[in-house]
Structures are given as structure tokens and as C-alpha cells.
Amino acid sequence: MTVECMFLVDTGADFTVLNKATLDALQTTRLPPSEQVAGVGGTARSVDVRATIWFFRDGPERVAFHGQFAAVTDFRALDMSVLGRDITHHFALIVDWPGKVVCLVGQNHRYSVTSG
């Protein structure tokens, strides 16, 4: 089953965590958690799920991350799924707050910053 969800990019998160809405929408087997989920708000009950996270690129190609991801079991624990360093460490991360753009730049690509 394919589920579209938004992620909060959290450079301080050790690993990716799906929120309860995404967990329910996936309708997949829930496994015992391999990690405890904790953050600023404290700890939260979680399960693990096997899933593929797809990122869309410019053009028709997509990038897939297959794995076992944590998912919280309480709606109050996370408003939005969190993209953690288990995935983001594969990219250069550019956050352009005024332009409202977050870019994950792949290892075979480069970027430059110039004055306009």
C-alpha cells in the first residue's frame, strides 16, 4: 500500500519515526520496537514497521529507502512523521527558510551558494 505523508526534517533525530496517522494508513504488520522513541516531549510507545520511503526527484525518477522504521502508537506523540539521520546522512541538506524550500542533495550532485 502506498501512503503519502509529509516529514519534518529533524537534524537532531537519530532515526526516522512515522506518526500514528501514517502507521494506521499503512495497514502493515507491526513488529516489536527495536529502539525507544524519545524527544523533547518525553518518551512515546512505538512499534517497528517494514516500509519503503520514496523521495521524488526532478523528473520521473524516485529514490527508495527500504527498511524497518519506528512508528508511534499515540496520535498525541507526533503531529508529523520525522525524517532522521538514518536517511538524511546520505544527503547534503539545504534549508532555505525565506524561500520555503528544503532540498536533499544526493552524493553525486553538488551545489554552490552565490550572491544574487
PDB file of N, CA and C in Angstrom:
ATOM      1  N   MET A   1       0.835  -1.178   0.000  1.00  0.00           N
ATOM      2  CA  MET A   1       0.000   0.000   0.000  1.00  0.00           C
ATOM      3  C   MET A   1       0.881   1.244   0.000  1.00  0.00           C
ATOM      4  N   THR A   2       0.548   2.216  -0.798  1.00  0.00           N
ATOM      5  CA  THR A   2       1.283   3.473  -0.863  1.00  0.00           C
ATOM      6  C   THR A   2       0.530   4.538  -0.078  1.00  0.00           C
ATOM      7  N   VAL A   3       1.264   5.249   0.768  1.00  0.00           N
ATOM      8  CA  VAL A   3       0.686   6.305   1.593  1.00  0.00           C
ATOM      9  C   VAL A   3       1.540   7.550   1.408  1.00  0.00           C
ATOM     10  N   GLU A   4       0.914   8.662   1.127  1.00  0.00           N
ATOM     11  CA  GLU A   4       1.644   9.924   1.014  1.00  0.00           C
ATOM     12  C   GLU A   4       1.637  10.607   2.370  1.00  0.00           C
ATOM     13  N   CYS A   5       2.825  11.020   2.826  1.00  0.00           N
ATOM     14  CA  CYS A   5       2.889  11.741   4.099  1.00  0.00           C
ATOM     15  C   CYS A   5       3.984  12.797   4.032  1.00  0.00           C
ATOM     16  N   MET A   6       3.857  13.783   4.890  1.00  0.00           N
ATOM     17  CA  MET A   6       4.869  14.833   4.981  1.00  0.00           C
ATOM     18  C   MET A   6       5.801  14.485   6.123  1.00  0.00           C
ATOM     19  N   PHE A   7       7.066  14.897   5.988  1.00  0.00           N
ATOM     20  CA  PHE A   7       8.063  14.665   7.015  1.00  0.00           C
ATOM     21  C   PHE A   7       8.616  15.980   7.525  1.00  0.00           C
ATOM     22  N   LEU A   8       8.861  16.043   8.805  1.00  0.00           N
ATOM     23  CA  LEU A   8       9.628  17.108   9.413  1.00  0.00           C
ATOM     24  C   LEU A   8      11.082  16.653   9.357  1.00  0.00           C
ATOM     25  N   VAL A   9      11.969  17.438   8.759  1.00  0.00           N
ATOM     26  CA  VAL A   9      13.388  17.093   8.718  1.00  0.00           C
ATOM     27  C   VAL A   9      13.989  17.530  10.049  1.00  0.00           C
ATOM     28  N   ASP A  10      14.455  16.560  10.821  1.00  0.00           N
ATOM     29  CA  ASP A  10      14.995  16.833  12.154  1.00  0.00           C
ATOM     30  C   ASP A  10      16.459  16.407  12.189  1.00  0.00           C
ATOM     31  N   THR A  11      17.359  17.376  12.122  1.00  0.00           N
ATOM     32  CA  THR A  11      18.787  17.060  12.089  1.00  0.00           C
ATOM     33  C   THR A  11      19.278  16.473  13.404  1.00  0.00           C
ATOM     34  N   GLY A  12      18.492  16.587  14.458  1.00  0.00           N
ATOM     35  CA  GLY A  12      18.869  16.022  15.748  1.00  0.00           C
ATOM     36  C   GLY A  12      18.293  14.645  16.009  1.00  0.00           C
ATOM     37  N   ALA A  13      17.396  14.178  15.141  1.00  0.00           N
ATOM     38  CA  ALA A  13      16.762  12.867  15.336  1.00  0.00           C
ATOM     39  C   ALA A  13      17.697  11.769  14.854  1.00  0.00           C
ATOM     40  N   ASP A  14      17.943  10.796  15.697  1.00  0.00           N
ATOM     41  CA  ASP A  14      18.832   9.689  15.338  1.00  0.00           C
ATOM     42  C   ASP A  14      18.255   8.830  14.226  1.00  0.00           C
ATOM     43  N   PHE A  15      16.931   8.666  14.230  1.00  0.00           N
ATOM     44  CA  PHE A  15      16.308   7.806  13.233  1.00  0.00           C
ATOM     45  C   PHE A  15      14.927   8.327  12.859  1.00  0.00           C
ATOM     46  N   THR A  16      14.432   7.844  11.748  1.00  0.00           N
ATOM     47  CA  THR A  16      13.139   8.239  11.201  1.00  0.00           C
ATOM     48  C   THR A  16      12.014   7.606  12.016  1.00  0.00           C
ATOM     49  N   VAL A  17      10.963   8.401  12.289  1.00  0.00           N
ATOM     50  CA  VAL A  17       9.814   7.922  13.055  1.00  0.00           C
ATOM     51  C   VAL A  17       8.537   8.338  12.326  1.00  0.00           C
ATOM     52  N   LEU A  18       7.667   7.373  12.087  1.00  0.00           N
ATOM     53  CA  LEU A  18       6.379   7.647  11.458  1.00  0.00           C
ATOM     54  C   LEU A  18       5.352   8.009  12.520  1.00  0.00           C
ATOM     55  N   ASN A  19       4.456   8.940  12.189  1.00  0.00           N
ATOM     56  CA  ASN A  19       3.413   9.287  13.145  1.00  0.00           C
ATOM     57  C   ASN A  19       2.272   8.262  13.087  1.00  0.00           C
ATOM     58  N   LYS A  20       1.340   8.365  14.005  1.00  0.00           N
ATOM     59  CA  LYS A  20       0.247   7.397  14.130  1.00  0.00           C
ATOM     60  C   LYS A  20      -0.644   7.377  12.894  1.00  0.00           C
ATOM     61  N   ALA A  21      -0.925   8.524  12.304  1.00  0.00           N
ATOM     62  CA  ALA A  21      -1.774   8.567  11.104  1.00  0.00           C
ATOM     63  C   ALA A  21      -1.143   7.778   9.960  1.00  0.00           C
ATOM     64  N   THR A  22       0.158   7.921   9.791  1.00  0.00           N
ATOM     65  CA  THR A  22       0.868   7.179   8.737  1.00  0.00           C
ATOM     66  C   THR A  22       0.881   5.692   9.066  1.00  0.00           C
ATOM     67  N   LEU A  23       1.144   5.361  10.316  1.00  0.00           N
ATOM     68  CA  LEU A  23       1.131   3.961  10.745  1.00  0.00           C
ATOM     69  C   LEU A  23      -0.218   3.305  10.424  1.00  0.00           C
ATOM     70  N   ASP A  24      -1.298   3.963  10.771  1.00  0.00           N
ATOM     71  CA  ASP A  24      -2.634   3.399  10.522  1.00  0.00           C
ATOM     72  C   ASP A  24      -2.920   3.275   9.030  1.00  0.00           C
ATOM     73  N   ALA A  25      -2.509   4.272   8.268  1.00  0.00           N
ATOM     74  CA  ALA A  25      -2.771   4.256   6.824  1.00  0.00           C
ATOM     75  C   ALA A  25      -1.999   3.134   6.125  1.00  0.00           C
ATOM     76  N   LEU A  26      -0.835   2.784   6.632  1.00  0.00           N
ATOM     77  CA  LEU A  26      -0.023   1.734   6.003  1.00  0.00           C
ATOM     78  C   LEU A  26      -0.665   0.346   6.108  1.00  0.00           C
ATOM     79  N   GLN A  27      -1.446   0.121   7.145  1.00  0.00           N
ATOM     80  CA  GLN A  27      -2.102  -1.180   7.338  1.00  0.00           C
ATOM     81  C   GLN A  27      -1.112  -2.324   7.153  1.00  0.00           C
ATOM     82  N   THR A  28      -0.010  -2.270   7.876  1.00  0.00           N
ATOM     83  CA  THR A  28       1.047  -3.275   7.754  1.00  0.00           C
ATOM     84  C   THR A  28       1.286  -3.959   9.092  1.00  0.00           C
ATOM     85  N   THR A  29       2.048  -5.008   9.070  1.00  0.00           N
ATOM     86  CA  THR A  29       2.382  -5.752  10.275  1.00  0.00           C
ATOM     87  C   THR A  29       3.224  -4.887  11.206  1.00  0.00           C
ATOM     88  N   ARG A  30       2.863  -4.915  12.475  1.00  0.00           N
ATOM     89  CA  ARG A  30       3.602  -4.161  13.486  1.00  0.00           C
ATOM     90  C   ARG A  30       4.535  -5.109  14.217  1.00  0.00           C
ATOM     91  N   LEU A  31       5.783  -4.697  14.353  1.00  0.00           N
ATOM     92  CA  LEU A  31       6.816  -5.510  14.988  1.00  0.00           C
ATOM     93  C   LEU A  31       7.206  -4.874  16.321  1.00  0.00           C
ATOM     94  N   PRO A  32       7.773  -5.646  17.236  1.00  0.00           N
ATOM     95  CA  PRO A  32       8.250  -5.048  18.490  1.00  0.00           C
ATOM     96  C   PRO A  32       9.283  -3.963  18.197  1.00  0.00           C
ATOM     97  N   PRO A  33       9.282  -2.885  18.973  1.00  0.00           N
ATOM     98  CA  PRO A  33      10.235  -1.790  18.711  1.00  0.00           C
ATOM     99  C   PRO A  33      11.669  -2.203  18.971  1.00  0.00           C
ATOM    100  N   SER A  34      12.574  -1.744  18.103  1.00  0.00           N
ATOM    101  CA  SER A  34      13.996  -2.012  18.300  1.00  0.00           C
ATOM    102  C   SER A  34      14.677  -0.850  19.025  1.00  0.00           C
ATOM    103  N   GLU A  35      14.057   0.302  19.028  1.00  0.00           N
ATOM    104  CA  GLU A  35      14.593   1.496  19.686  1.00  0.00           C
ATOM    105  C   GLU A  35      13.483   2.138  20.512  1.00  0.00           C
ATOM    106  N   GLN A  36      13.851   2.833  21.586  1.00  0.00           N
ATOM    107  CA  GLN A  36      12.880   3.608  22.335  1.00  0.00           C
ATOM    108  C   GLN A  36      12.773   4.975  21.679  1.00  0.00           C
ATOM    109  N   VAL A  37      11.562   5.435  21.498  1.00  0.00           N
ATOM    110  CA  VAL A  37      11.341   6.740  20.878  1.00  0.00           C
ATOM    111  C   VAL A  37      11.230   7.780  21.985  1.00  0.00           C
ATOM    112  N   ALA A  38      12.130   8.754  21.951  1.00  0.00           N
ATOM    113  CA  ALA A  38      12.136   9.813  22.952  1.00  0.00           C
ATOM    114  C   ALA A  38      12.525  11.123  22.290  1.00  0.00           C
ATOM    115  N   GLY A  39      12.003  12.210  22.821  1.00  0.00           N
ATOM    116  CA  GLY A  39      12.320  13.521  22.284  1.00  0.00           C
ATOM    117  C   GLY A  39      12.056  14.584  23.325  1.00  0.00           C
ATOM    118  N   VAL A  40      11.853  15.803  22.885  1.00  0.00           N
ATOM    119  CA  VAL A  40      11.628  16.922  23.793  1.00  0.00           C
ATOM    120  C   VAL A  40      10.412  16.676  24.684  1.00  0.00           C
ATOM    121  N   GLY A  41       9.378  16.047  24.132  1.00  0.00           N
ATOM    122  CA  GLY A  41       8.152  15.798  24.881  1.00  0.00           C
ATOM    123  C   GLY A  41       8.201  14.560  25.753  1.00  0.00           C
ATOM    124  N   GLY A  42       9.319  13.868  25.812  1.00  0.00           N
ATOM    125  CA  GLY A  42       9.433  12.659  26.617  1.00  0.00           C
ATOM    126  C   GLY A  42       9.455  11.421  25.738  1.00  0.00           C
ATOM    127  N   THR A  43       9.085  10.277  26.313  1.00  0.00           N
ATOM    128  CA  THR A  43       9.086   9.026  25.570  1.00  0.00           C
ATOM    129  C   THR A  43       7.694   8.726  25.031  1.00  0.00           C
ATOM    130  N   ALA A  44       7.643   7.893  24.006  1.00  0.00           N
ATOM    131  CA  ALA A  44       6.362   7.508  23.398  1.00  0.00           C
ATOM    132  C   ALA A  44       6.417   6.025  23.067  1.00  0.00           C
ATOM    133  N   ARG A  45       5.300   5.358  23.201  1.00  0.00           N
ATOM    134  CA  ARG A  45       5.214   3.952  22.802  1.00  0.00           C
ATOM    135  C   ARG A  45       5.328   3.879  21.281  1.00  0.00           C
ATOM    136  N   SER A  46       6.017   2.834  20.831  1.00  0.00           N
ATOM    137  CA  SER A  46       6.205   2.700  19.398  1.00  0.00           C
ATOM    138  C   SER A  46       6.242   1.236  18.997  1.00  0.00           C
ATOM    139  N   VAL A  47       6.134   1.017  17.717  1.00  0.00           N
ATOM    140  CA  VAL A  47       6.312  -0.290  17.093  1.00  0.00           C
ATOM    141  C   VAL A  47       7.247  -0.068  15.912  1.00  0.00           C
ATOM    142  N   ASP A  48       7.734  -1.136  15.338  1.00  0.00           N
ATOM    143  CA  ASP A  48       8.513  -1.040  14.113  1.00  0.00           C
ATOM    144  C   ASP A  48       7.678  -1.566  12.961  1.00  0.00           C
ATOM    145  N   VAL A  49       7.883  -0.992  11.791  1.00  0.00           N
ATOM    146  CA  VAL A  49       7.223  -1.463  10.574  1.00  0.00           C
ATOM    147  C   VAL A  49       8.259  -1.547   9.465  1.00  0.00           C
ATOM    148  N   ARG A  50       8.088  -2.530   8.593  1.00  0.00           N
ATOM    149  CA  ARG A  50       8.931  -2.609   7.397  1.00  0.00           C
ATOM    150  C   ARG A  50       8.241  -1.794   6.317  1.00  0.00           C
ATOM    151  N   ALA A  51       8.983  -0.882   5.730  1.00  0.00           N
ATOM    152  CA  ALA A  51       8.382   0.008   4.734  1.00  0.00           C
ATOM    153  C   ALA A  51       9.453   0.509   3.783  1.00  0.00           C
ATOM    154  N   THR A  52       8.995   1.122   2.716  1.00  0.00           N
ATOM    155  CA  THR A  52       9.871   1.807   1.769  1.00  0.00           C
ATOM    156  C   THR A  52       9.464   3.265   1.740  1.00  0.00           C
ATOM    157  N   ILE A  53      10.422   4.140   1.961  1.00  0.00           N
ATOM    158  CA  ILE A  53      10.175   5.578   1.877  1.00  0.00           C
ATOM    159  C   ILE A  53      10.725   6.035   0.541  1.00  0.00           C
ATOM    160  N   TRP A  54       9.854   6.637  -0.250  1.00  0.00           N
ATOM    161  CA  TRP A  54      10.210   7.110  -1.593  1.00  0.00           C
ATOM    162  C   TRP A  54      10.345   8.626  -1.587  1.00  0.00           C
ATOM    163  N   PHE A  55      11.396   9.112  -2.220  1.00  0.00           N
ATOM    164  CA  PHE A  55      11.580  10.546  -2.436  1.00  0.00           C
ATOM    165  C   PHE A  55      11.468  10.813  -3.925  1.00  0.00           C
ATOM    166  N   PHE A  56      10.746  11.851  -4.273  1.00  0.00           N
ATOM    167  CA  PHE A  56      10.609  12.234  -5.672  1.00  0.00           C
ATOM    168  C   PHE A  56      11.736  13.180  -6.035  1.00  0.00           C
ATOM    169  N   ARG A  57      12.245  13.011  -7.242  1.00  0.00           N
ATOM    170  CA  ARG A  57      13.303  13.861  -7.770  1.00  0.00           C
ATOM    171  C   ARG A  57      12.722  14.741  -8.869  1.00  0.00           C
ATOM    172  N   ASP A  58      13.522  15.664  -9.355  1.00  0.00           N
ATOM    173  CA  ASP A  58      13.120  16.408 -10.546  1.00  0.00           C
ATOM    174  C   ASP A  58      13.084  15.403 -11.685  1.00  0.00           C
ATOM    175  N   GLY A  59      11.949  15.272 -12.329  1.00  0.00           N
ATOM    176  CA  GLY A  59      11.804  14.281 -13.385  1.00  0.00           C
ATOM    177  C   GLY A  59      11.064  13.060 -12.871  1.00  0.00           C
ATOM    178  N   PRO A  60      11.052  11.992 -13.635  1.00  0.00           N
ATOM    179  CA  PRO A  60      10.242  10.817 -13.287  1.00  0.00           C
ATOM    180  C   PRO A  60      10.886   9.868 -12.274  1.00  0.00           C
ATOM    181  N   GLU A  61      12.173  10.034 -11.988  1.00  0.00           N
ATOM    182  CA  GLU A  61      12.871   9.097 -11.114  1.00  0.00           C
ATOM    183  C   GLU A  61      12.536   9.332  -9.647  1.00  0.00           C
ATOM    184  N   ARG A  62      12.630   8.233  -8.878  1.00  0.00           N
ATOM    185  CA  ARG A  62      12.436   8.317  -7.436  1.00  0.00           C
ATOM    186  C   ARG A  62      13.600   7.610  -6.742  1.00  0.00           C
ATOM    187  N   VAL A  63      13.806   7.935  -5.483  1.00  0.00           N
ATOM    188  CA  VAL A  63      14.837   7.314  -4.667  1.00  0.00           C
ATOM    189  C   VAL A  63      14.132   6.559  -3.553  1.00  0.00           C
ATOM    190  N   ALA A  64      14.532   5.295  -3.318  1.00  0.00           N
ATOM    191  CA  ALA A  64      13.866   4.461  -2.323  1.00  0.00           C
ATOM    192  C   ALA A  64      14.786   4.145  -1.147  1.00  0.00           C
ATOM    193  N   PHE A  65      14.223   4.179   0.044  1.00  0.00           N
ATOM    194  CA  PHE A  65      14.891   3.732   1.257  1.00  0.00           C
ATOM    195  C   PHE A  65      14.044   2.625   1.858  1.00  0.00           C
ATOM    196  N   HIS A  66      14.540   1.399   1.765  1.00  0.00           N
ATOM    197  CA  HIS A  66      13.841   0.236   2.307  1.00  0.00           C
ATOM    198  C   HIS A  66      14.373  -0.009   3.714  1.00  0.00           C
ATOM    199  N   GLY A  67      13.485  -0.329   4.635  1.00  0.00           N
ATOM    200  CA  GLY A  67      13.996  -0.619   5.966  1.00  0.00           C
ATOM    201  C   GLY A  67      12.911  -0.867   6.979  1.00  0.00           C
ATOM    202  N   GLN A  68      13.352  -0.924   8.202  1.00  0.00           N
ATOM    203  CA  GLN A  68      12.464  -1.070   9.342  1.00  0.00           C
ATOM    204  C   GLN A  68      12.481   0.272  10.054  1.00  0.00           C
ATOM    205  N   PHE A  69      11.310   0.880  10.207  1.00  0.00           N
ATOM    206  CA  PHE A  69      11.203   2.220  10.770  1.00  0.00           C
ATOM    207  C   PHE A  69      10.316   2.203  12.008  1.00  0.00           C
ATOM    208  N   ALA A  70      10.629   3.069  12.958  1.00  0.00           N
ATOM    209  CA  ALA A  70       9.810   3.212  14.155  1.00  0.00           C
ATOM    210  C   ALA A  70       8.535   3.972  13.794  1.00  0.00           C
ATOM    211  N   ALA A  71       7.461   3.650  14.517  1.00  0.00           N
ATOM    212  CA  ALA A  71       6.188   4.366  14.354  1.00  0.00           C
ATOM    213  C   ALA A  71       5.526   4.489  15.718  1.00  0.00           C
ATOM    214  N   VAL A  72       5.098   5.683  16.071  1.00  0.00           N
ATOM    215  CA  VAL A  72       4.445   5.885  17.370  1.00  0.00           C
ATOM    216  C   VAL A  72       3.007   5.383  17.313  1.00  0.00           C
ATOM    217  N   THR A  73       2.490   4.963  18.455  1.00  0.00           N
ATOM    218  CA  THR A  73       1.151   4.374  18.512  1.00  0.00           C
ATOM    219  C   THR A  73       0.119   5.310  19.137  1.00  0.00           C
ATOM    220  N   ASP A  74       0.507   6.534  19.423  1.00  0.00           N
ATOM    221  CA  ASP A  74      -0.397   7.522  20.022  1.00  0.00           C
ATOM    222  C   ASP A  74      -0.419   8.769  19.137  1.00  0.00           C
ATOM    223  N   PHE A  75      -1.633   9.209  18.764  1.00  0.00           N
ATOM    224  CA  PHE A  75      -1.766  10.401  17.914  1.00  0.00           C
ATOM    225  C   PHE A  75      -1.125  11.635  18.541  1.00  0.00           C
ATOM    226  N   ARG A  76      -1.113  11.710  19.867  1.00  0.00           N
ATOM    227  CA  ARG A  76      -0.583  12.905  20.545  1.00  0.00           C
ATOM    228  C   ARG A  76       0.940  12.962  20.529  1.00  0.00           C
ATOM    229  N   ALA A  77       1.604  11.855  20.200  1.00  0.00           N
ATOM    230  CA  ALA A  77       3.067  11.808  20.265  1.00  0.00           C
ATOM    231  C   ALA A  77       3.741  12.624  19.167  1.00  0.00           C
ATOM    232  N   LEU A  78       3.206  12.584  17.945  1.00  0.00           N
ATOM    233  CA  LEU A  78       3.810  13.310  16.811  1.00  0.00           C
ATOM    234  C   LEU A  78       2.713  13.821  15.890  1.00  0.00           C
ATOM    235  N   ASP A  79       2.774  15.101  15.564  1.00  0.00           N
ATOM    236  CA  ASP A  79       1.844  15.660  14.581  1.00  0.00           C
ATOM    237  C   ASP A  79       2.239  15.228  13.173  1.00  0.00           C
ATOM    238  N   MET A  80       3.535  15.112  12.946  1.00  0.00           N
ATOM    239  CA  MET A  80       4.071  14.836  11.621  1.00  0.00           C
ATOM    240  C   MET A  80       5.185  13.802  11.752  1.00  0.00           C
ATOM    241  N   SER A  81       5.339  12.951  10.769  1.00  0.00           N
ATOM    242  CA  SER A  81       6.447  11.995  10.763  1.00  0.00           C
ATOM    243  C   SER A  81       7.770  12.751  10.732  1.00  0.00           C
ATOM    244  N   VAL A  82       8.813  12.138  11.287  1.00  0.00           N
ATOM    245  CA  VAL A  82      10.117  12.785  11.417  1.00  0.00           C
ATOM    246  C   VAL A  82      11.140  12.046  10.560  1.00  0.00           C
ATOM    247  N   LEU A  83      11.844  12.786   9.729  1.00  0.00           N
ATOM    248  CA  LEU A  83      12.914  12.228   8.909  1.00  0.00           C
ATOM    249  C   LEU A  83      14.221  12.420   9.676  1.00  0.00           C
ATOM    250  N   GLY A  84      14.826  11.312  10.093  1.00  0.00           N
ATOM    251  CA  GLY A  84      16.014  11.374  10.932  1.00  0.00           C
ATOM    252  C   GLY A  84      17.301  11.118  10.186  1.00  0.00           C
ATOM    253  N   ARG A  85      18.399  11.090  10.948  1.00  0.00           N
ATOM    254  CA  ARG A  85      19.731  10.956  10.355  1.00  0.00           C
ATOM    255  C   ARG A  85      19.979   9.605   9.700  1.00  0.00           C
ATOM    256  N   ASP A  86      19.177   8.589  10.018  1.00  0.00           N
ATOM    257  CA  ASP A  86      19.362   7.311   9.334  1.00  0.00           C
ATOM    258  C   ASP A  86      19.170   7.462   7.832  1.00  0.00           C
ATOM    259  N   ILE A  87      18.412   8.470   7.424  1.00  0.00           N
ATOM    260  CA  ILE A  87      18.214   8.763   5.998  1.00  0.00           C
ATOM    261  C   ILE A  87      18.943  10.037   5.589  1.00  0.00           C
ATOM    262  N   THR A  88      18.850  11.093   6.379  1.00  0.00           N
ATOM    263  CA  THR A  88      19.416  12.375   5.950  1.00  0.00           C
ATOM    264  C   THR A  88      20.932  12.365   5.834  1.00  0.00           C
ATOM    265  N   HIS A  89      21.618  11.436   6.520  1.00  0.00           N
ATOM    266  CA  HIS A  89      23.088  11.438   6.419  1.00  0.00           C
ATOM    267  C   HIS A  89      23.576  11.014   5.030  1.00  0.00           C
ATOM    268  N   HIS A  90      22.688  10.576   4.178  1.00  0.00           N
ATOM    269  CA  HIS A  90      23.047  10.228   2.797  1.00  0.00           C
ATOM    270  C   HIS A  90      23.055  11.455   1.879  1.00  0.00           C
ATOM    271  N   PHE A  91      22.666  12.604   2.403  1.00  0.00           N
ATOM    272  CA  PHE A  91      22.470  13.799   1.583  1.00  0.00           C
ATOM    273  C   PHE A  91      23.149  15.017   2.199  1.00  0.00           C
ATOM    274  N   ALA A  92      23.353  16.021   1.366  1.00  0.00           N
ATOM    275  CA  ALA A  92      23.605  17.368   1.855  1.00  0.00           C
ATOM    276  C   ALA A  92      22.215  17.978   2.036  1.00  0.00           C
ATOM    277  N   LEU A  93      21.989  18.615   3.151  1.00  0.00           N
ATOM    278  CA  LEU A  93      20.674  19.178   3.462  1.00  0.00           C
ATOM    279  C   LEU A  93      20.732  20.691   3.353  1.00  0.00           C
ATOM    280  N   ILE A  94      19.884  21.257   2.526  1.00  0.00           N
ATOM    281  CA  ILE A  94      19.805  22.712   2.362  1.00  0.00           C
ATOM    282  C   ILE A  94      18.423  23.159   2.817  1.00  0.00           C
ATOM    283  N   VAL A  95      18.405  24.100   3.758  1.00  0.00           N
ATOM    284  CA  VAL A  95      17.142  24.654   4.238  1.00  0.00           C
ATOM    285  C   VAL A  95      17.124  26.130   3.884  1.00  0.00           C
ATOM    286  N   ASP A  96      16.199  26.515   3.027  1.00  0.00           N
ATOM    287  CA  ASP A  96      16.031  27.906   2.597  1.00  0.00           C
ATOM    288  C   ASP A  96      14.726  28.403   3.217  1.00  0.00           C
ATOM    289  N   TRP A  97      14.838  28.940   4.426  1.00  0.00           N
ATOM    290  CA  TRP A  97      13.637  29.354   5.141  1.00  0.00           C
ATOM    291  C   TRP A  97      12.862  30.444   4.395  1.00  0.00           C
ATOM    292  N   PRO A  98      13.505  31.537   3.924  1.00  0.00           N
ATOM    293  CA  PRO A  98      12.735  32.571   3.216  1.00  0.00           C
ATOM    294  C   PRO A  98      12.060  32.036   1.943  1.00  0.00           C
ATOM    295  N   GLY A  99      12.734  31.107   1.252  1.00  0.00           N
ATOM    296  CA  GLY A  99      12.168  30.554   0.027  1.00  0.00           C
ATOM    297  C   GLY A  99      11.235  29.383   0.254  1.00  0.00           C
ATOM    298  N   LYS A 100      11.099  28.959   1.522  1.00  0.00           N
ATOM    299  CA  LYS A 100      10.240  27.830   1.897  1.00  0.00           C
ATOM    300  C   LYS A 100      10.602  26.564   1.114  1.00  0.00           C
ATOM    301  N   VAL A 101      11.916  26.260   1.077  1.00  0.00           N
ATOM    302  CA  VAL A 101      12.409  25.107   0.334  1.00  0.00           C
ATOM    303  C   VAL A 101      13.361  24.298   1.218  1.00  0.00           C
ATOM    304  N   VAL A 102      13.187  22.992   1.203  1.00  0.00           N
ATOM    305  CA  VAL A 102      14.131  22.072   1.827  1.00  0.00           C
ATOM    306  C   VAL A 102      14.613  21.140   0.722  1.00  0.00           C
ATOM    307  N   CYS A 103      15.919  21.062   0.536  1.00  0.00           N
ATOM    308  CA  CYS A 103      16.483  20.225  -0.528  1.00  0.00           C
ATOM    309  C   CYS A 103      17.419  19.186   0.076  1.00  0.00           C
ATOM    310  N   LEU A 104      17.269  17.966  -0.393  1.00  0.00           N
ATOM    311  CA  LEU A 104      18.213  16.904  -0.078  1.00  0.00           C
ATOM    312  C   LEU A 104      19.021  16.682  -1.349  1.00  0.00           C
ATOM    313  N   VAL A 105      20.305  16.990  -1.283  1.00  0.00           N
ATOM    314  CA  VAL A 105      21.161  16.905  -2.460  1.00  0.00           C
ATOM    315  C   VAL A 105      21.942  15.593  -2.399  1.00  0.00           C
ATOM    316  N   GLY A 106      21.793  14.778  -3.440  1.00  0.00           N
ATOM    317  CA  GLY A 106      22.429  13.465  -3.484  1.00  0.00           C
ATOM    318  C   GLY A 106      23.934  13.527  -3.569  1.00  0.00           C
ATOM    319  N   GLN A 107      24.569  12.399  -3.247  1.00  0.00           N
ATOM    320  CA  GLN A 107      26.021  12.324  -3.175  1.00  0.00           C
ATOM    321  C   GLN A 107      26.710  12.605  -4.505  1.00  0.00           C
ATOM    322  N   ASN A 108      26.076  12.320  -5.615  1.00  0.00           N
ATOM    323  CA  ASN A 108      26.692  12.541  -6.922  1.00  0.00           C
ATOM    324  C   ASN A 108      26.372  13.916  -7.489  1.00  0.00           C
ATOM    325  N   HIS A 109      25.793  14.783  -6.678  1.00  0.00           N
ATOM    326  CA  HIS A 109      25.436  16.126  -7.117  1.00  0.00           C
ATOM    327  C   HIS A 109      26.151  17.146  -6.244  1.00  0.00           C
ATOM    328  N   ARG A 110      26.277  18.337  -6.739  1.00  0.00           N
ATOM    329  CA  ARG A 110      26.930  19.413  -5.996  1.00  0.00           C
ATOM    330  C   ARG A 110      26.037  20.646  -6.020  1.00  0.00           C
ATOM    331  N   TYR A 111      26.318  21.548  -5.108  1.00  0.00           N
ATOM    332  CA  TYR A 111      25.596  22.800  -5.066  1.00  0.00           C
ATOM    333  C   TYR A 111      26.584  23.914  -4.774  1.00  0.00           C
ATOM    334  N   SER A 112      26.199  25.126  -5.077  1.00  0.00           N
ATOM    335  CA  SER A 112      27.034  26.281  -4.739  1.00  0.00           C
ATOM    336  C   SER A 112      26.125  27.385  -4.255  1.00  0.00           C
ATOM    337  N   VAL A 113      26.660  28.243  -3.442  1.00  0.00           N
ATOM    338  CA  VAL A 113      25.911  29.377  -2.918  1.00  0.00           C
ATOM    339  C   VAL A 113      26.557  30.624  -3.494  1.00  0.00           C
ATOM    340  N   THR A 114      25.756  31.436  -4.156  1.00  0.00           N
ATOM    341  CA  THR A 114      26.250  32.679  -4.738  1.00  0.00           C
ATOM    342  C   THR A 114      25.388  33.844  -4.289  1.00  0.00           C
ATOM    343  N   SER A 115      25.917  35.023  -4.353  1.00  0.00           N
ATOM    344  CA  SER A 115      25.115  36.194  -4.006  1.00  0.00           C
ATOM    345  C   SER A 115      24.324  36.616  -5.228  1.00  0.00           C
ATOM    346  N   GLY A 116      23.130  37.085  -4.990  1.00  0.00           N
ATOM    347  CA  GLY A 116      22.253  37.419  -6.108  1.00  0.00           C
ATOM    348  C   GLY A 116      22.081  38.835  -6.222  1.00  0.00           C
TER     349      GLY A 116
END
